[in-house]
Amino acid sequence: MQASLHWSVLPTAIAAVVAMSSMALSQVVSIAPNTQPITLNGTSGGEKKDTSCAGFIADRPNHTVQVTADSNLKFALQGSGEPTLLITGSGQTFCVQADRLSNGQVEIPGRWTKGTYSVFVGDRGRTRAPYTLSIAPQ
């Protein structure tokens, strides 16, 4: 009986690890031309120091955006603290920081080529704060 108890614990432990690892994955969204604006929420910051621009970010992207066709899009971030928006993908890197005049708002508009983009919402001050990210066609 004791041996069967140990074997019943193992599948439960594996299931718990798989469930927790899926929570750590970034949220994946798909954007098509002429799509409705998408609003995403999360918590900025992390432990990883990004020296290029973004301050402190998480180990994994906050969101993964799949652009299904070349599109004119605007990424708009609203947060508190000193938020940064780092987007990498399709051989490009974009990073914008909020400044004192922007009231915690960051925007990256432009022509986005078809591909998958990793979106990191960081914070220069190592703070973790709620944010709202909207992605809209232009």
N, C-alpha and C. Protein backbone atom coordinates (compact mmCIF):
# COMPACT_ATOMS: atom_id res chain seq x y z
N MET A 1 0.82 -1.19 0.00
CA MET A 1 0.00 0.00 0.00
C MET A 1 0.86 1.25 0.00
N GLN A 2 1.98 1.24 0.74
CA GLN A 2 2.82 2.42 0.82
C GLN A 2 3.47 2.71 -0.54
N ALA A 3 3.84 1.68 -1.30
CA ALA A 3 4.43 1.88 -2.62
C ALA A 3 3.43 2.54 -3.57
N SER A 4 2.17 2.13 -3.50
CA SER A 4 1.18 2.72 -4.39
C SER A 4 0.90 4.18 -4.02
N LEU A 5 1.06 4.52 -2.74
CA LEU A 5 0.88 5.90 -2.31
C LEU A 5 1.94 6.79 -2.93
N HIS A 6 3.19 6.32 -2.94
CA HIS A 6 4.27 7.10 -3.55
C HIS A 6 4.03 7.31 -5.05
N TRP A 7 3.53 6.29 -5.75
CA TRP A 7 3.28 6.39 -7.18
C TRP A 7 2.11 7.32 -7.48
N SER A 8 1.18 7.48 -6.55
CA SER A 8 0.07 8.40 -6.79
C SER A 8 0.48 9.85 -6.56
N VAL A 9 1.52 10.07 -5.78
CA VAL A 9 2.00 11.42 -5.51
C VAL A 9 2.76 11.97 -6.72
N LEU A 10 3.50 11.11 -7.42
CA LEU A 10 4.31 11.55 -8.55
C LEU A 10 3.48 12.19 -9.66
N PRO A 11 2.41 11.58 -10.15
CA PRO A 11 1.60 12.25 -11.19
C PRO A 11 1.01 13.58 -10.73
N THR A 12 0.64 13.65 -9.46
CA THR A 12 0.09 14.90 -8.93
C THR A 12 1.15 15.99 -8.93
N ALA A 13 2.37 15.65 -8.54
CA ALA A 13 3.47 16.62 -8.53
C ALA A 13 3.80 17.09 -9.94
N ILE A 14 3.82 16.16 -10.90
CA ILE A 14 4.10 16.53 -12.28
C ILE A 14 3.02 17.46 -12.81
N ALA A 15 1.77 17.17 -12.53
CA ALA A 15 0.67 18.02 -12.98
C ALA A 15 0.79 19.43 -12.40
N ALA A 16 1.18 19.53 -11.14
CA ALA A 16 1.34 20.84 -10.50
C ALA A 16 2.46 21.64 -11.16
N VAL A 17 3.57 21.00 -11.48
CA VAL A 17 4.70 21.69 -12.13
C VAL A 17 4.29 22.17 -13.51
N VAL A 18 3.60 21.34 -14.28
CA VAL A 18 3.15 21.73 -15.62
C VAL A 18 2.19 22.91 -15.53
N ALA A 19 1.28 22.90 -14.59
CA ALA A 19 0.32 24.00 -14.43
C ALA A 19 1.04 25.30 -14.09
N MET A 20 2.02 25.24 -13.20
CA MET A 20 2.74 26.45 -12.81
C MET A 20 3.60 26.96 -13.95
N SER A 21 4.21 26.07 -14.74
CA SER A 21 5.06 26.53 -15.83
C SER A 21 4.23 27.20 -16.92
N SER A 22 3.01 26.75 -17.14
CA SER A 22 2.18 27.40 -18.16
C SER A 22 1.76 28.79 -17.73
N MET A 23 1.66 29.04 -16.43
CA MET A 23 1.32 30.38 -15.96
C MET A 23 2.46 31.35 -16.23
N ALA A 24 3.72 30.85 -16.27
CA ALA A 24 4.87 31.71 -16.47
C ALA A 24 5.04 32.09 -17.94
N LEU A 25 4.38 31.39 -18.85
CA LEU A 25 4.50 31.71 -20.27
C LEU A 25 3.77 33.01 -20.56
N SER A 26 4.27 33.73 -21.56
CA SER A 26 3.64 34.99 -21.89
C SER A 26 2.32 34.77 -22.61
N GLN A 27 1.48 35.78 -22.53
CA GLN A 27 0.18 35.74 -23.19
C GLN A 27 0.40 35.94 -24.69
N VAL A 28 -0.17 35.08 -25.52
CA VAL A 28 -0.02 35.15 -26.97
C VAL A 28 -1.30 35.73 -27.57
N VAL A 29 -1.15 36.77 -28.40
CA VAL A 29 -2.28 37.36 -29.11
C VAL A 29 -1.94 37.44 -30.59
N SER A 30 -2.96 37.39 -31.42
CA SER A 30 -2.79 37.45 -32.86
C SER A 30 -3.46 38.73 -33.37
N ILE A 31 -2.75 39.46 -34.25
CA ILE A 31 -3.25 40.71 -34.80
C ILE A 31 -3.34 40.56 -36.32
N ALA A 32 -4.50 40.84 -36.87
CA ALA A 32 -4.72 40.81 -38.31
C ALA A 32 -5.02 42.23 -38.79
N PRO A 33 -4.83 42.50 -40.09
CA PRO A 33 -5.19 43.84 -40.60
C PRO A 33 -6.66 44.15 -40.30
N ASN A 34 -6.94 45.40 -40.03
CA ASN A 34 -8.29 45.89 -39.75
C ASN A 34 -8.94 45.19 -38.56
N THR A 35 -8.14 44.75 -37.63
CA THR A 35 -8.67 44.11 -36.43
C THR A 35 -9.14 45.16 -35.43
N GLN A 36 -9.97 44.77 -34.52
CA GLN A 36 -10.39 45.67 -33.44
C GLN A 36 -9.21 45.87 -32.49
N PRO A 37 -9.13 47.02 -31.82
CA PRO A 37 -8.06 47.22 -30.84
C PRO A 37 -8.11 46.13 -29.76
N ILE A 38 -6.94 45.76 -29.31
CA ILE A 38 -6.80 44.75 -28.26
C ILE A 38 -6.23 45.43 -27.02
N THR A 39 -6.79 45.12 -25.86
CA THR A 39 -6.29 45.67 -24.61
C THR A 39 -5.79 44.53 -23.74
N LEU A 40 -4.55 44.66 -23.26
CA LEU A 40 -3.93 43.65 -22.42
C LEU A 40 -3.52 44.30 -21.11
N ASN A 41 -3.55 43.54 -20.04
CA ASN A 41 -3.14 44.05 -18.73
C ASN A 41 -2.07 43.15 -18.14
N GLY A 42 -1.31 43.70 -17.23
CA GLY A 42 -0.26 42.92 -16.58
C GLY A 42 0.45 43.73 -15.53
N THR A 43 1.60 43.21 -15.12
CA THR A 43 2.44 43.86 -14.11
C THR A 43 3.81 44.11 -14.72
N SER A 44 4.27 45.34 -14.65
CA SER A 44 5.56 45.71 -15.25
C SER A 44 6.71 45.28 -14.36
N GLY A 45 7.90 45.37 -14.95
CA GLY A 45 9.12 45.14 -14.19
C GLY A 45 9.52 43.69 -14.11
N GLY A 46 10.62 43.46 -13.41
CA GLY A 46 11.18 42.13 -13.24
C GLY A 46 12.55 42.23 -12.62
N GLU A 47 13.25 41.12 -12.58
CA GLU A 47 14.57 41.06 -11.95
C GLU A 47 15.71 41.21 -12.94
N LYS A 48 15.45 40.99 -14.23
CA LYS A 48 16.49 41.02 -15.25
C LYS A 48 16.78 42.45 -15.67
N LYS A 49 18.05 42.85 -15.63
CA LYS A 49 18.45 44.19 -16.04
C LYS A 49 18.70 44.21 -17.54
N ASP A 50 17.95 45.04 -18.25
CA ASP A 50 18.15 45.22 -19.68
C ASP A 50 18.90 46.53 -19.87
N THR A 51 20.17 46.45 -20.27
CA THR A 51 21.00 47.65 -20.36
C THR A 51 20.73 48.48 -21.61
N SER A 52 20.02 47.91 -22.60
CA SER A 52 19.80 48.65 -23.84
C SER A 52 18.83 49.81 -23.66
N CYS A 53 17.80 49.62 -22.81
CA CYS A 53 16.82 50.70 -22.68
C CYS A 53 15.78 50.42 -21.62
N ALA A 54 15.38 49.17 -21.47
CA ALA A 54 14.14 48.85 -20.78
C ALA A 54 14.21 48.82 -19.26
N GLY A 55 15.34 49.06 -18.67
CA GLY A 55 15.41 48.99 -17.21
C GLY A 55 15.33 47.56 -16.74
N PHE A 56 14.39 47.25 -15.88
CA PHE A 56 14.24 45.91 -15.34
C PHE A 56 13.02 45.24 -15.97
N ILE A 57 13.24 44.04 -16.52
CA ILE A 57 12.19 43.30 -17.20
C ILE A 57 12.13 41.88 -16.65
N ALA A 58 11.08 41.17 -16.99
CA ALA A 58 10.95 39.76 -16.61
C ALA A 58 11.83 38.91 -17.52
N ASP A 59 12.09 37.66 -17.10
CA ASP A 59 12.88 36.74 -17.91
C ASP A 59 12.19 36.39 -19.22
N ARG A 60 10.87 36.36 -19.20
CA ARG A 60 10.08 36.03 -20.38
C ARG A 60 9.25 37.24 -20.77
N PRO A 61 8.86 37.33 -22.03
CA PRO A 61 8.03 38.48 -22.44
C PRO A 61 6.69 38.47 -21.72
N ASN A 62 6.17 39.66 -21.48
CA ASN A 62 4.83 39.78 -20.90
C ASN A 62 3.77 39.30 -21.89
N HIS A 63 4.01 39.57 -23.17
CA HIS A 63 3.06 39.20 -24.21
C HIS A 63 3.84 38.80 -25.46
N THR A 64 3.28 37.91 -26.24
CA THR A 64 3.80 37.57 -27.56
C THR A 64 2.73 37.93 -28.57
N VAL A 65 3.11 38.77 -29.54
CA VAL A 65 2.15 39.26 -30.52
C VAL A 65 2.51 38.67 -31.88
N GLN A 66 1.54 38.01 -32.48
CA GLN A 66 1.71 37.47 -33.82
C GLN A 66 0.99 38.38 -34.79
N VAL A 67 1.76 39.08 -35.62
CA VAL A 67 1.19 39.94 -36.66
C VAL A 67 1.03 39.06 -37.89
N THR A 68 -0.21 38.85 -38.33
CA THR A 68 -0.50 37.89 -39.40
C THR A 68 -0.25 38.43 -40.80
N ALA A 69 -0.18 39.76 -40.94
CA ALA A 69 0.12 40.39 -42.23
C ALA A 69 0.69 41.77 -41.93
N ASP A 70 1.52 42.29 -42.84
CA ASP A 70 2.07 43.63 -42.64
C ASP A 70 0.94 44.59 -42.30
N SER A 71 1.12 45.37 -41.22
CA SER A 71 0.04 46.23 -40.72
C SER A 71 0.60 47.50 -40.11
N ASN A 72 -0.19 48.58 -40.19
CA ASN A 72 0.10 49.80 -39.45
C ASN A 72 -0.55 49.66 -38.09
N LEU A 73 0.27 49.62 -37.05
CA LEU A 73 -0.23 49.42 -35.68
C LEU A 73 0.37 50.44 -34.74
N LYS A 74 -0.35 50.66 -33.64
CA LYS A 74 0.18 51.50 -32.57
C LYS A 74 0.10 50.71 -31.27
N PHE A 75 1.25 50.54 -30.62
CA PHE A 75 1.32 49.95 -29.29
C PHE A 75 1.32 51.12 -28.31
N ALA A 76 0.35 51.16 -27.40
CA ALA A 76 0.25 52.25 -26.43
C ALA A 76 0.21 51.64 -25.03
N LEU A 77 1.16 52.04 -24.20
CA LEU A 77 1.30 51.53 -22.84
C LEU A 77 0.96 52.64 -21.85
N GLN A 78 0.13 52.32 -20.88
CA GLN A 78 -0.18 53.24 -19.79
C GLN A 78 0.15 52.53 -18.49
N GLY A 79 1.07 53.10 -17.71
CA GLY A 79 1.44 52.49 -16.44
C GLY A 79 1.90 53.54 -15.46
N SER A 80 2.21 53.08 -14.27
CA SER A 80 2.74 53.99 -13.26
C SER A 80 4.21 53.67 -13.04
N GLY A 81 4.87 54.45 -12.21
CA GLY A 81 6.30 54.26 -12.02
C GLY A 81 7.06 54.85 -13.20
N GLU A 82 8.09 54.13 -13.66
CA GLU A 82 8.88 54.55 -14.80
C GLU A 82 8.83 53.47 -15.87
N PRO A 83 7.66 53.27 -16.51
CA PRO A 83 7.49 52.15 -17.43
C PRO A 83 8.31 52.29 -18.71
N THR A 84 8.66 51.12 -19.25
CA THR A 84 9.34 51.04 -20.53
C THR A 84 8.64 49.98 -21.37
N LEU A 85 8.74 50.14 -22.67
CA LEU A 85 8.14 49.18 -23.59
C LEU A 85 9.24 48.71 -24.54
N LEU A 86 9.56 47.42 -24.48
CA LEU A 86 10.58 46.81 -25.32
C LEU A 86 9.90 45.77 -26.20
N ILE A 87 10.03 45.92 -27.52
CA ILE A 87 9.43 44.98 -28.47
C ILE A 87 10.54 44.47 -29.37
N THR A 88 10.68 43.14 -29.44
CA THR A 88 11.69 42.53 -30.30
C THR A 88 11.02 41.52 -31.22
N GLY A 89 11.54 41.42 -32.44
CA GLY A 89 11.03 40.43 -33.38
C GLY A 89 11.25 40.84 -34.80
N SER A 90 11.18 39.89 -35.70
CA SER A 90 11.38 40.12 -37.13
C SER A 90 12.67 40.91 -37.40
N GLY A 91 13.70 40.61 -36.63
CA GLY A 91 15.00 41.25 -36.82
C GLY A 91 15.07 42.68 -36.35
N GLN A 92 14.09 43.13 -35.58
CA GLN A 92 14.07 44.53 -35.13
C GLN A 92 13.89 44.59 -33.62
N THR A 93 14.36 45.70 -33.05
CA THR A 93 14.17 45.96 -31.63
C THR A 93 13.72 47.41 -31.47
N PHE A 94 12.64 47.59 -30.72
CA PHE A 94 12.11 48.92 -30.43
C PHE A 94 12.04 49.06 -28.91
N CYS A 95 12.47 50.20 -28.39
CA CYS A 95 12.37 50.42 -26.95
C CYS A 95 12.09 51.89 -26.70
N VAL A 96 11.06 52.14 -25.90
CA VAL A 96 10.68 53.51 -25.56
C VAL A 96 10.45 53.59 -24.05
N GLN A 97 10.92 54.67 -23.46
CA GLN A 97 10.75 54.90 -22.03
C GLN A 97 9.77 56.04 -21.81
N ALA A 98 9.01 55.93 -20.75
CA ALA A 98 8.16 57.07 -20.35
C ALA A 98 9.08 58.14 -19.76
N ASP A 99 8.73 59.39 -19.97
CA ASP A 99 9.48 60.48 -19.35
C ASP A 99 8.56 61.25 -18.41
N ARG A 100 9.07 62.27 -17.81
CA ARG A 100 8.29 63.03 -16.81
C ARG A 100 7.07 63.71 -17.42
N LEU A 101 7.13 64.03 -18.69
CA LEU A 101 6.03 64.73 -19.33
C LEU A 101 4.94 63.80 -19.86
N SER A 102 5.23 62.51 -19.96
CA SER A 102 4.29 61.58 -20.59
C SER A 102 3.27 60.99 -19.62
N ASN A 103 3.40 61.24 -18.33
CA ASN A 103 2.47 60.69 -17.34
C ASN A 103 2.38 59.17 -17.39
N GLY A 104 3.50 58.51 -17.62
CA GLY A 104 3.53 57.05 -17.65
C GLY A 104 3.00 56.44 -18.92
N GLN A 105 2.87 57.24 -19.99
CA GLN A 105 2.37 56.71 -21.25
C GLN A 105 3.50 56.58 -22.26
N VAL A 106 3.52 55.45 -22.95
CA VAL A 106 4.53 55.17 -23.97
C VAL A 106 3.80 54.70 -25.23
N GLU A 107 4.23 55.19 -26.40
CA GLU A 107 3.62 54.75 -27.65
C GLU A 107 4.70 54.38 -28.66
N ILE A 108 4.42 53.31 -29.41
CA ILE A 108 5.28 52.92 -30.53
C ILE A 108 4.37 52.67 -31.73
N PRO A 109 4.21 53.69 -32.59
CA PRO A 109 3.42 53.49 -33.80
C PRO A 109 4.33 53.11 -34.96
N GLY A 110 3.75 52.50 -35.98
CA GLY A 110 4.56 52.22 -37.17
C GLY A 110 4.02 51.11 -38.02
N ARG A 111 4.80 50.78 -39.02
CA ARG A 111 4.49 49.68 -39.94
C ARG A 111 5.16 48.43 -39.38
N TRP A 112 4.36 47.43 -39.06
CA TRP A 112 4.85 46.19 -38.46
C TRP A 112 4.76 45.09 -39.51
N THR A 113 5.87 44.44 -39.78
CA THR A 113 5.89 43.37 -40.77
C THR A 113 5.36 42.08 -40.15
N LYS A 114 4.87 41.22 -40.99
CA LYS A 114 4.35 39.93 -40.54
C LYS A 114 5.43 39.21 -39.73
N GLY A 115 5.01 38.66 -38.59
CA GLY A 115 5.97 37.94 -37.75
C GLY A 115 5.52 37.88 -36.31
N THR A 116 6.38 37.35 -35.48
CA THR A 116 6.11 37.19 -34.05
C THR A 116 7.00 38.15 -33.27
N TYR A 117 6.39 38.88 -32.36
CA TYR A 117 7.09 39.89 -31.57
C TYR A 117 6.96 39.57 -30.08
N SER A 118 8.06 39.73 -29.36
CA SER A 118 8.07 39.59 -27.91
C SER A 118 7.94 40.98 -27.30
N VAL A 119 6.98 41.14 -26.39
CA VAL A 119 6.71 42.43 -25.78
C VAL A 119 7.04 42.35 -24.29
N PHE A 120 8.01 43.18 -23.87
CA PHE A 120 8.40 43.25 -22.47
C PHE A 120 7.96 44.61 -21.92
N VAL A 121 7.29 44.60 -20.80
CA VAL A 121 6.93 45.84 -20.13
C VAL A 121 7.82 45.93 -18.89
N GLY A 122 8.77 46.84 -18.95
CA GLY A 122 9.74 46.96 -17.87
C GLY A 122 9.50 48.19 -17.03
N ASP A 123 10.45 48.43 -16.14
CA ASP A 123 10.41 49.62 -15.29
C ASP A 123 11.85 50.01 -14.97
N ARG A 124 12.19 51.27 -15.22
CA ARG A 124 13.56 51.73 -14.96
C ARG A 124 13.86 51.76 -13.48
N GLY A 125 12.85 51.93 -12.63
CA GLY A 125 13.06 52.05 -11.20
C GLY A 125 12.94 50.73 -10.44
N ARG A 126 12.88 49.61 -11.14
CA ARG A 126 12.76 48.28 -10.54
C ARG A 126 11.46 48.10 -9.76
N THR A 127 10.46 48.90 -10.10
CA THR A 127 9.16 48.79 -9.45
C THR A 127 8.30 47.82 -10.23
N ARG A 128 7.36 47.20 -9.56
CA ARG A 128 6.36 46.37 -10.23
C ARG A 128 5.03 47.09 -10.07
N ALA A 129 4.41 47.38 -11.20
CA ALA A 129 3.16 48.15 -11.16
C ALA A 129 2.22 47.64 -12.24
N PRO A 130 0.92 47.80 -12.03
CA PRO A 130 -0.03 47.39 -13.08
C PRO A 130 0.07 48.30 -14.30
N TYR A 131 -0.23 47.72 -15.46
CA TYR A 131 -0.22 48.50 -16.69
C TYR A 131 -1.35 48.02 -17.60
N THR A 132 -1.64 48.86 -18.59
CA THR A 132 -2.57 48.51 -19.65
C THR A 132 -1.85 48.76 -20.97
N LEU A 133 -1.87 47.76 -21.83
CA LEU A 133 -1.25 47.88 -23.16
C LEU A 133 -2.34 47.71 -24.20
N SER A 134 -2.45 48.68 -25.09
CA SER A 134 -3.42 48.54 -26.18
C SER A 134 -2.65 48.47 -27.50
N ILE A 135 -3.17 47.64 -28.39
CA ILE A 135 -2.61 47.48 -29.73
C ILE A 135 -3.75 47.75 -30.69
N ALA A 136 -3.57 48.78 -31.53
CA ALA A 136 -4.66 49.21 -32.40
C ALA A 136 -4.14 49.49 -33.80
N PRO A 137 -4.97 49.23 -34.81
CA PRO A 137 -4.59 49.60 -36.17
C PRO A 137 -4.59 51.12 -36.31
N GLN A 138 -3.78 51.62 -37.21
CA GLN A 138 -3.71 53.06 -37.45
C GLN A 138 -4.35 53.39 -38.77
